[in-house]
Structures are given as C-alpha cells and as structure tokens.
PDB file of N, CA and C in Angstrom:
ATOM      1  N   UNK A   1      -9.176 -11.953  12.672  1.00  0.00           N
ATOM      2  CA  UNK A   1     -10.357 -11.593  11.920  1.00  0.00           C
ATOM      3  C   UNK A   1      -9.918 -11.132  10.538  1.00  0.00           C
ATOM      4  N   UNK A   2     -10.416 -11.786   9.517  1.00  0.00           N
ATOM      5  CA  UNK A   2     -10.061 -11.459   8.142  1.00  0.00           C
ATOM      6  C   UNK A   2     -10.983 -10.358   7.613  1.00  0.00           C
ATOM      7  N   UNK A   3     -10.399  -9.474   6.837  1.00  0.00           N
ATOM      8  CA  UNK A   3     -11.180  -8.399   6.230  1.00  0.00           C
ATOM      9  C   UNK A   3     -11.808  -8.887   4.934  1.00  0.00           C
ATOM     10  N   UNK A   4     -12.987  -8.400   4.641  1.00  0.00           N
ATOM     11  CA  UNK A   4     -13.617  -8.745   3.370  1.00  0.00           C
ATOM     12  C   UNK A   4     -12.903  -8.023   2.238  1.00  0.00           C
ATOM     13  N   UNK A   5     -13.210  -8.417   1.017  1.00  0.00           N
ATOM     14  CA  UNK A   5     -12.574  -7.804  -0.145  1.00  0.00           C
ATOM     15  C   UNK A   5     -12.890  -6.315  -0.218  1.00  0.00           C
ATOM     16  N   UNK A   6     -14.151  -5.955   0.022  1.00  0.00           N
ATOM     17  CA  UNK A   6     -14.546  -4.536  -0.021  1.00  0.00           C
ATOM     18  C   UNK A   6     -13.829  -3.736   1.063  1.00  0.00           C
ATOM     19  N   UNK A   7     -13.711  -4.296   2.245  1.00  0.00           N
ATOM     20  CA  UNK A   7     -13.030  -3.601   3.341  1.00  0.00           C
ATOM     21  C   UNK A   7     -11.550  -3.414   3.021  1.00  0.00           C
ATOM     22  N   UNK A   8     -10.915  -4.458   2.467  1.00  0.00           N
ATOM     23  CA  UNK A   8      -9.508  -4.335   2.101  1.00  0.00           C
ATOM     24  C   UNK A   8      -9.315  -3.299   1.008  1.00  0.00           C
ATOM     25  N   UNK A   9     -10.251  -3.236   0.064  1.00  0.00           N
ATOM     26  CA  UNK A   9     -10.158  -2.254  -1.018  1.00  0.00           C
ATOM     27  C   UNK A   9     -10.289  -0.833  -0.464  1.00  0.00           C
ATOM     28  N   UNK A  10     -11.224  -0.631   0.442  1.00  0.00           N
ATOM     29  CA  UNK A  10     -11.400   0.693   1.052  1.00  0.00           C
ATOM     30  C   UNK A  10     -10.190   1.086   1.892  1.00  0.00           C
ATOM     31  N   UNK A  11      -9.698   0.161   2.691  1.00  0.00           N
ATOM     32  CA  UNK A  11      -8.534   0.457   3.527  1.00  0.00           C
ATOM     33  C   UNK A  11      -7.301   0.733   2.681  1.00  0.00           C
ATOM     34  N   UNK A  12      -7.165   0.034   1.569  1.00  0.00           N
ATOM     35  CA  UNK A  12      -6.008   0.292   0.703  1.00  0.00           C
ATOM     36  C   UNK A  12      -6.067   1.701   0.132  1.00  0.00           C
ATOM     37  N   UNK A  13      -7.257   2.177  -0.206  1.00  0.00           N
ATOM     38  CA  UNK A  13      -7.390   3.555  -0.682  1.00  0.00           C
ATOM     39  C   UNK A  13      -7.044   4.562   0.412  1.00  0.00           C
ATOM     40  N   UNK A  14      -7.507   4.305   1.615  1.00  0.00           N
ATOM     41  CA  UNK A  14      -7.194   5.209   2.732  1.00  0.00           C
ATOM     42  C   UNK A  14      -5.693   5.224   2.990  1.00  0.00           C
ATOM     43  N   UNK A  15      -5.079   4.055   2.975  1.00  0.00           N
ATOM     44  CA  UNK A  15      -3.643   3.965   3.219  1.00  0.00           C
ATOM     45  C   UNK A  15      -2.869   4.714   2.146  1.00  0.00           C
ATOM     46  N   UNK A  16      -3.267   4.555   0.886  1.00  0.00           N
ATOM     47  CA  UNK A  16      -2.539   5.207  -0.196  1.00  0.00           C
ATOM     48  C   UNK A  16      -2.786   6.710  -0.256  1.00  0.00           C
ATOM     49  N   UNK A  17      -4.004   7.140   0.005  1.00  0.00           N
ATOM     50  CA  UNK A  17      -4.327   8.563  -0.131  1.00  0.00           C
ATOM     51  C   UNK A  17      -3.991   9.391   1.103  1.00  0.00           C
ATOM     52  N   UNK A  18      -3.997   8.783   2.277  1.00  0.00           N
ATOM     53  CA  UNK A  18      -3.722   9.522   3.509  1.00  0.00           C
ATOM     54  C   UNK A  18      -2.381   9.083   4.115  1.00  0.00           C
ATOM     55  N   UNK A  19      -2.201   7.786   4.263  1.00  0.00           N
ATOM     56  CA  UNK A  19      -1.019   7.277   4.941  1.00  0.00           C
ATOM     57  C   UNK A  19       0.273   7.473   4.176  1.00  0.00           C
ATOM     58  N   UNK A  20       0.248   7.273   2.868  1.00  0.00           N
ATOM     59  CA  UNK A  20       1.469   7.407   2.089  1.00  0.00           C
ATOM     60  C   UNK A  20       2.024   8.824   2.097  1.00  0.00           C
ATOM     61  N   UNK A  21       1.216   9.871   1.870  1.00  0.00           N
ATOM     62  CA  UNK A  21       1.784  11.223   1.966  1.00  0.00           C
ATOM     63  C   UNK A  21       2.329  11.546   3.355  1.00  0.00           C
ATOM     64  N   UNK A  22       1.648  11.092   4.395  1.00  0.00           N
ATOM     65  CA  UNK A  22       2.154  11.316   5.749  1.00  0.00           C
ATOM     66  C   UNK A  22       3.483  10.596   5.971  1.00  0.00           C
ATOM     67  N   UNK A  23       3.591   9.385   5.460  1.00  0.00           N
ATOM     68  CA  UNK A  23       4.824   8.630   5.612  1.00  0.00           C
ATOM     69  C   UNK A  23       5.954   9.270   4.810  1.00  0.00           C
ATOM     70  N   UNK A  24       5.654   9.793   3.630  1.00  0.00           N
ATOM     71  CA  UNK A  24       6.675  10.473   2.827  1.00  0.00           C
ATOM     72  C   UNK A  24       7.201  11.687   3.575  1.00  0.00           C
ATOM     73  N   UNK A  25       6.299  12.470   4.158  1.00  0.00           N
ATOM     74  CA  UNK A  25       6.743  13.636   4.928  1.00  0.00           C
ATOM     75  C   UNK A  25       7.607  13.217   6.114  1.00  0.00           C
ATOM     76  N   UNK A  26       7.222  12.143   6.791  1.00  0.00           N
ATOM     77  CA  UNK A  26       8.002  11.662   7.932  1.00  0.00           C
ATOM     78  C   UNK A  26       9.377  11.156   7.484  1.00  0.00           C
ATOM     79  N   UNK A  27       9.435  10.454   6.347  1.00  0.00           N
ATOM     80  CA  UNK A  27      10.711   9.935   5.858  1.00  0.00           C
ATOM     81  C   UNK A  27      11.645  11.064   5.448  1.00  0.00           C
ATOM     82  N   UNK A  28      11.115  12.071   4.756  1.00  0.00           N
ATOM     83  CA  UNK A  28      11.942  13.206   4.346  1.00  0.00           C
ATOM     84  C   UNK A  28      12.443  13.960   5.571  1.00  0.00           C
ATOM     85  N   UNK A  29      11.581  14.136   6.569  1.00  0.00           N
ATOM     86  CA  UNK A  29      11.999  14.806   7.799  1.00  0.00           C
ATOM     87  C   UNK A  29      13.081  14.007   8.514  1.00  0.00           C
ATOM     88  N   UNK A  30      12.919  12.699   8.574  1.00  0.00           N
ATOM     89  CA  UNK A  30      13.902  11.835   9.222  1.00  0.00           C
ATOM     90  C   UNK A  30      15.258  11.918   8.531  1.00  0.00           C
ATOM     91  N   UNK A  31      15.259  11.869   7.213  1.00  0.00           N
ATOM     92  CA  UNK A  31      16.520  11.924   6.470  1.00  0.00           C
ATOM     93  C   UNK A  31      17.152  13.302   6.585  1.00  0.00           C
ATOM     94  N   UNK A  32      16.339  14.356   6.689  1.00  0.00           N
ATOM     95  CA  UNK A  32      16.898  15.702   6.784  1.00  0.00           C
ATOM     96  C   UNK A  32      17.537  15.967   8.153  1.00  0.00           C
ATOM     97  N   UNK A  33      17.232  15.145   9.138  1.00  0.00           N
ATOM     98  CA  UNK A  33      17.821  15.320  10.467  1.00  0.00           C
ATOM     99  C   UNK A  33      19.294  14.921  10.494  1.00  0.00           C
ATOM    100  N   UNK A  34      19.694  14.023   9.615  1.00  0.00           N
ATOM    101  CA  UNK A  34      21.092  13.621   9.570  1.00  0.00           C
ATOM    102  C   UNK A  34      21.815  14.481   8.537  1.00  0.00           C
ATOM    103  N   UNK A  35      23.135  14.518   8.638  1.00  0.00           N
ATOM    104  CA  UNK A  35      23.917  15.287   7.667  1.00  0.00           C
ATOM    105  C   UNK A  35      23.718  14.694   6.284  1.00  0.00           C
ATOM    106  N   UNK A  36      23.659  15.536   5.282  1.00  0.00           N
ATOM    107  CA  UNK A  36      23.348  15.118   3.912  1.00  0.00           C
ATOM    108  C   UNK A  36      24.313  14.017   3.449  1.00  0.00           C
ATOM    109  N   UNK A  37      23.793  12.782   3.267  1.00  0.00           N
ATOM    110  CA  UNK A  37      24.653  11.696   2.778  1.00  0.00           C
ATOM    111  C   UNK A  37      24.823  11.793   1.257  1.00  0.00           C
ATOM    112  N   UNK A  38      25.643  10.926   0.714  1.00  0.00           N
ATOM    113  CA  UNK A  38      25.782  10.895  -0.736  1.00  0.00           C
ATOM    114  C   UNK A  38      24.465  10.449  -1.354  1.00  0.00           C
ATOM    115  N   UNK A  39      24.311  10.718  -2.633  1.00  0.00           N
ATOM    116  CA  UNK A  39      23.034  10.432  -3.296  1.00  0.00           C
ATOM    117  C   UNK A  39      22.710   8.940  -3.281  1.00  0.00           C
ATOM    118  N   UNK A  40      23.720   8.089  -3.407  1.00  0.00           N
ATOM    119  CA  UNK A  40      23.479   6.647  -3.391  1.00  0.00           C
ATOM    120  C   UNK A  40      23.016   6.185  -2.010  1.00  0.00           C
ATOM    121  N   UNK A  41      23.640   6.685  -0.979  1.00  0.00           N
ATOM    122  CA  UNK A  41      23.237   6.322   0.389  1.00  0.00           C
ATOM    123  C   UNK A  41      21.832   6.840   0.673  1.00  0.00           C
ATOM    124  N   UNK A  42      21.536   8.054   0.220  1.00  0.00           N
ATOM    125  CA  UNK A  42      20.207   8.615   0.424  1.00  0.00           C
ATOM    126  C   UNK A  42      19.148   7.787  -0.314  1.00  0.00           C
ATOM    127  N   UNK A  43      19.462   7.355  -1.524  1.00  0.00           N
ATOM    128  CA  UNK A  43      18.542   6.496  -2.279  1.00  0.00           C
ATOM    129  C   UNK A  43      18.301   5.189  -1.544  1.00  0.00           C
ATOM    130  N   UNK A  44      19.362   4.586  -1.020  1.00  0.00           N
ATOM    131  CA  UNK A  44      19.201   3.328  -0.275  1.00  0.00           C
ATOM    132  C   UNK A  44      18.364   3.530   0.988  1.00  0.00           C
ATOM    133  N   UNK A  45      18.515   4.675   1.649  1.00  0.00           N
ATOM    134  CA  UNK A  45      17.705   4.969   2.835  1.00  0.00           C
ATOM    135  C   UNK A  45      16.226   5.043   2.461  1.00  0.00           C
ATOM    136  N   UNK A  46      15.914   5.754   1.367  1.00  0.00           N
ATOM    137  CA  UNK A  46      14.520   5.886   0.947  1.00  0.00           C
ATOM    138  C   UNK A  46      13.928   4.558   0.490  1.00  0.00           C
ATOM    139  N   UNK A  47      14.715   3.745  -0.200  1.00  0.00           N
ATOM    140  CA  UNK A  47      14.235   2.425  -0.620  1.00  0.00           C
ATOM    141  C   UNK A  47      13.972   1.554   0.610  1.00  0.00           C
ATOM    142  N   UNK A  48      14.884   1.591   1.570  1.00  0.00           N
ATOM    143  CA  UNK A  48      14.690   0.830   2.808  1.00  0.00           C
ATOM    144  C   UNK A  48      13.466   1.285   3.578  1.00  0.00           C
ATOM    145  N   UNK A  49      13.276   2.603   3.672  1.00  0.00           N
ATOM    146  CA  UNK A  49      12.087   3.114   4.361  1.00  0.00           C
ATOM    147  C   UNK A  49      10.806   2.746   3.612  1.00  0.00           C
ATOM    148  N   UNK A  50      10.891   2.650   2.299  1.00  0.00           N
ATOM    149  CA  UNK A  50       9.725   2.225   1.513  1.00  0.00           C
ATOM    150  C   UNK A  50       9.316   0.796   1.825  1.00  0.00           C
ATOM    151  N   UNK A  51      10.309  -0.087   1.975  1.00  0.00           N
ATOM    152  CA  UNK A  51      10.005  -1.468   2.342  1.00  0.00           C
ATOM    153  C   UNK A  51       9.460  -1.547   3.766  1.00  0.00           C
ATOM    154  N   UNK A  52      10.004  -0.753   4.648  1.00  0.00           N
ATOM    155  CA  UNK A  52       9.521  -0.739   6.040  1.00  0.00           C
ATOM    156  C   UNK A  52       8.075  -0.270   6.085  1.00  0.00           C
ATOM    157  N   UNK A  53       7.715   0.683   5.220  1.00  0.00           N
ATOM    158  CA  UNK A  53       6.358   1.213   5.211  1.00  0.00           C
ATOM    159  C   UNK A  53       5.343   0.176   4.738  1.00  0.00           C
ATOM    160  N   UNK A  54       5.678  -0.585   3.717  1.00  0.00           N
ATOM    161  CA  UNK A  54       4.687  -1.465   3.102  1.00  0.00           C
ATOM    162  C   UNK A  54       4.519  -2.792   3.842  1.00  0.00           C
ATOM    163  N   UNK A  55       5.511  -3.232   4.587  1.00  0.00           N
ATOM    164  CA  UNK A  55       5.426  -4.552   5.217  1.00  0.00           C
ATOM    165  C   UNK A  55       4.225  -4.721   6.159  1.00  0.00           C
ATOM    166  N   UNK A  56       3.873  -3.752   7.005  1.00  0.00           N
ATOM    167  CA  UNK A  56       2.704  -3.971   7.867  1.00  0.00           C
ATOM    168  C   UNK A  56       1.377  -4.013   7.105  1.00  0.00           C
ATOM    169  N   UNK A  57       1.351  -3.432   5.910  1.00  0.00           N
ATOM    170  CA  UNK A  57       0.098  -3.350   5.153  1.00  0.00           C
ATOM    171  C   UNK A  57       0.027  -4.360   4.012  1.00  0.00           C
ATOM    172  N   UNK A  58       0.946  -5.285   3.987  1.00  0.00           N
ATOM    173  CA  UNK A  58       1.009  -6.256   2.900  1.00  0.00           C
ATOM    174  C   UNK A  58      -0.294  -7.052   2.773  1.00  0.00           C
ATOM    175  N   UNK A  59      -0.874  -7.440   3.885  1.00  0.00           N
ATOM    176  CA  UNK A  59      -2.099  -8.237   3.842  1.00  0.00           C
ATOM    177  C   UNK A  59      -3.281  -7.440   3.304  1.00  0.00           C
ATOM    178  N   UNK A  60      -3.272  -6.122   3.457  1.00  0.00           N
ATOM    179  CA  UNK A  60      -4.372  -5.297   2.961  1.00  0.00           C
ATOM    180  C   UNK A  60      -4.335  -5.217   1.438  1.00  0.00           C
ATOM    181  N   UNK A  61      -3.151  -5.094   0.872  1.00  0.00           N
ATOM    182  CA  UNK A  61      -3.014  -4.915  -0.572  1.00  0.00           C
ATOM    183  C   UNK A  61      -3.040  -6.218  -1.359  1.00  0.00           C
ATOM    184  N   UNK A  62      -2.878  -7.339  -0.700  1.00  0.00           N
ATOM    185  CA  UNK A  62      -2.825  -8.619  -1.399  1.00  0.00           C
ATOM    186  C   UNK A  62      -4.174  -8.939  -2.058  1.00  0.00           C
ATOM    187  N   UNK A  63      -4.160  -9.105  -3.379  1.00  0.00           N
ATOM    188  CA  UNK A  63      -5.344  -9.507  -4.124  1.00  0.00           C
ATOM    189  C   UNK A  63      -6.286  -8.384  -4.487  1.00  0.00           C
ATOM    190  N   UNK A  64      -5.939  -7.140  -4.227  1.00  0.00           N
ATOM    191  CA  UNK A  64      -6.840  -6.026  -4.520  1.00  0.00           C
ATOM    192  C   UNK A  64      -7.031  -5.842  -6.024  1.00  0.00           C
ATOM    193  N   UNK A  65      -6.020  -6.136  -6.824  1.00  0.00           N
ATOM    194  CA  UNK A  65      -6.118  -5.972  -8.276  1.00  0.00           C
ATOM    195  C   UNK A  65      -6.911  -7.074  -8.958  1.00  0.00           C
ATOM    196  N   UNK A  66      -7.282  -8.100  -8.234  1.00  0.00           N
ATOM    197  CA  UNK A  66      -8.027  -9.222  -8.799  1.00  0.00           C
ATOM    198  C   UNK A  66      -9.527  -8.957  -8.716  1.00  0.00           C
ATOM    199  N   UNK A  67     -10.275  -9.794  -9.400  1.00  0.00           N
ATOM    200  CA  UNK A  67     -11.739  -9.702  -9.328  1.00  0.00           C
ATOM    201  C   UNK A  67     -12.205 -10.050  -7.920  1.00  0.00           C
ATOM    202  N   UNK A  68     -13.351  -9.507  -7.536  1.00  0.00           N
ATOM    203  CA  UNK A  68     -13.906  -9.751  -6.205  1.00  0.00           C
ATOM    204  C   UNK A  68     -14.244 -11.233  -6.052  1.00  0.00           C
ATOM    205  N   UNK A  69     -13.594 -11.938  -5.129  1.00  0.00           N
ATOM    206  CA  UNK A  69     -13.891 -13.361  -4.962  1.00  0.00           C
ATOM    207  C   UNK A  69     -15.255 -13.603  -4.323  1.00  0.00           C
ATOM    208  N   UNK A  70     -15.831 -12.592  -3.682  1.00  0.00           N
ATOM    209  CA  UNK A  70     -17.134 -12.753  -3.037  1.00  0.00           C
ATOM    210  C   UNK A  70     -18.295 -12.444  -3.978  1.00  0.00           C
ATOM    211  N   UNK A  71     -17.997 -11.910  -5.159  1.00  0.00           N
ATOM    212  CA  UNK A  71     -19.056 -11.553  -6.109  1.00  0.00           C
ATOM    213  C   UNK A  71     -19.654 -12.818  -6.706  1.00  0.00           C
ATOM    214  N   UNK A  72     -20.959 -12.754  -7.029  1.00  0.00           N
ATOM    215  CA  UNK A  72     -21.570 -13.923  -7.674  1.00  0.00           C
ATOM    216  C   UNK A  72     -20.927 -14.168  -9.040  1.00  0.00           C
ATOM    217  N   UNK A  73     -20.734 -15.429  -9.344  1.00  0.00           N
ATOM    218  CA  UNK A  73     -20.105 -15.806 -10.606  1.00  0.00           C
ATOM    219  C   UNK A  73     -21.117 -15.768 -11.739  1.00  0.00           C
ATOM    220  N   UNK A  74     -20.708 -15.213 -12.880  1.00  0.00           N
ATOM    221  CA  UNK A  74     -21.552 -15.205 -14.066  1.00  0.00           C
ATOM    222  C   UNK A  74     -21.291 -16.519 -14.802  1.00  0.00           C
ATOM    223  N   UNK A  75     -22.331 -17.317 -15.025  1.00  0.00           N
ATOM    224  CA  UNK A  75     -22.139 -18.618 -15.642  1.00  0.00           C
ATOM    225  C   UNK A  75     -22.071 -18.555 -17.171  1.00  0.00           C
ATOM    226  N   UNK A  76     -22.177 -17.378 -17.755  1.00  0.00           N
ATOM    227  CA  UNK A  76     -22.059 -17.223 -19.197  1.00  0.00           C
ATOM    228  C   UNK A  76     -23.346 -17.476 -19.961  1.00  0.00           C
ATOM    229  N   UNK A  77     -24.409 -17.796 -19.286  1.00  0.00           N
ATOM    230  CA  UNK A  77     -25.692 -18.056 -19.941  1.00  0.00           C
ATOM    231  C   UNK A  77     -26.414 -16.760 -20.206  1.00  0.00           C
ATOM    232  N   UNK A  78     -27.064 -16.632 -21.355  1.00  0.00           N
ATOM    233  CA  UNK A  78     -27.830 -15.401 -21.633  1.00  0.00           C
ATOM    234  C   UNK A  78     -29.020 -15.282 -20.676  1.00  0.00           C
ATOM    235  N   UNK A  79     -29.339 -14.073 -20.312  1.00  0.00           N
ATOM    236  CA  UNK A  79     -30.462 -13.843 -19.408  1.00  0.00           C
ATOM    237  C   UNK A  79     -31.685 -13.425 -20.201  1.00  0.00           C
ATOM    238  N   UNK A  80     -32.848 -13.766 -19.704  1.00  0.00           N
ATOM    239  CA  UNK A  80     -34.120 -13.421 -20.389  1.00  0.00           C
ATOM    240  C   UNK A  80     -34.611 -12.069 -20.009  1.00  0.00           C
TER     241      UNK A  80
END
C-alpha cells in the first residue's frame, strides 16, 4: 500500500521531530556502553548508525521536497 504525498509529508515530520531525537539518545547510550574509542572510530560508529537509521524510512522521505504530484496543475491561464 503506497502512502499519499500528504501522508508521507506528515510521517516525515513525525519521524524527524520524534523519532530522530529518540534514535540519537539510543545511539549515544549504545556508544557509551563500550569503552571510549578514538575520535575517528567514534565518528565512524555515529555515521554508520546514521545510515542504519535512515534506510528503513527512505521511502517516506523520497520526493518530499518536490511539489505535490497530486495537486491540480495550474495551466498558466488567467482566471476571471
């Protein structure tokens, strides 16, 4: 079942405003459980966790920055 443009836009906001902070807290907690690695290794861990976070939601964010494809098209003619 495909989501409409409006539904994808709403879900993307929920994911970014609620899910992302929760995921950041979980990632920081996960990294703090292991002994402090070097800064480069820690950066690679966070970058890897960032990719892991976004992959399941890729379909939700695809095309959100574009114009609504379901909106009626304006033909450019002046209206009376």
